[in-house]
Amino acid sequence: MKRQKRDMNQRAYDKGYNAGMKGKSREQCPHSQEDHRLEWLGGWRQARADQWEVDPDRH
């Protein structure tokens, strides 16, 4: 049985979250399609917020 691919928007969000946790710039978003770009940026923003909550002295 074939494995289904994850929703592309969820995948973009997850990739953006990972990029944000690694401290990458939001300018490094690889998506040009607007809905995927928005999801990637949403994940990136959430990761940056999560880092701020965990270690506010780091920023």
Protein backbone atom coordinates (compact mmCIF):
# COMPACT_ATOMS: atom_id res chain seq x y z
CA MET A 1 0.00 0.00 0.00
CA LYS A 2 1.33 3.43 -0.95
CA ARG A 3 2.07 5.89 1.79
CA GLN A 4 0.25 9.19 1.44
CA LYS A 5 2.25 12.39 1.36
CA ARG A 6 1.58 14.93 4.04
CA ASP A 7 -0.36 18.05 3.24
CA MET A 8 2.01 20.49 1.52
CA ASN A 9 0.88 23.36 3.74
CA GLN A 10 1.67 21.36 6.87
CA ARG A 11 5.02 20.39 5.42
CA ALA A 12 5.81 24.05 4.64
CA TYR A 13 4.85 25.03 8.21
CA ASP A 14 7.04 22.29 9.67
CA LYS A 15 10.01 23.27 7.49
CA GLY A 16 9.55 26.92 8.47
CA TYR A 17 9.40 25.96 12.14
CA ASN A 18 12.64 23.99 11.82
CA ALA A 19 14.32 26.90 10.04
CA GLY A 20 13.21 29.29 12.78
CA MET A 21 14.53 26.99 15.51
CA LYS A 22 17.89 26.92 13.74
CA GLY A 23 17.97 30.72 13.73
CA LYS A 24 17.68 31.09 9.98
CA SER A 25 16.39 34.30 8.45
CA ARG A 26 12.82 34.50 7.19
CA GLU A 27 14.32 35.73 3.94
CA GLN A 28 15.47 32.15 3.35
CA CYS A 29 11.92 30.96 2.70
CA PRO A 30 12.15 28.68 -0.33
CA HIS A 31 8.50 29.01 -1.39
CA SER A 32 7.19 31.32 -4.08
CA GLN A 33 3.59 30.04 -4.01
CA GLU A 34 1.76 32.38 -1.64
CA ASP A 35 -0.12 29.86 0.50
CA HIS A 36 2.98 27.73 1.08
CA ARG A 37 5.05 30.83 1.78
CA LEU A 38 2.52 32.01 4.37
CA GLU A 39 2.54 28.62 6.08
CA TRP A 40 6.36 28.54 6.11
CA LEU A 41 6.50 32.03 7.61
CA GLY A 42 3.87 31.08 10.19
CA GLY A 43 6.01 28.15 11.29
CA TRP A 44 9.11 30.35 11.34
CA ARG A 45 7.34 32.95 13.50
CA GLN A 46 6.09 30.30 15.92
CA ALA A 47 9.58 28.86 16.32
CA ARG A 48 11.04 32.29 17.01
CA ALA A 49 8.32 32.92 19.61
CA ASP A 50 8.96 29.52 21.20
CA GLN A 51 12.67 30.29 21.44
CA TRP A 52 11.91 33.63 23.05
CA GLU A 53 9.77 31.94 25.71
CA VAL A 54 12.44 29.32 26.46
CA ASP A 55 15.43 31.68 26.61
CA PRO A 56 14.51 35.39 26.72
CA ASP A 57 18.08 36.42 27.64
CA ARG A 58 19.39 35.00 24.39
CA HIS A 59 17.84 37.77 22.27
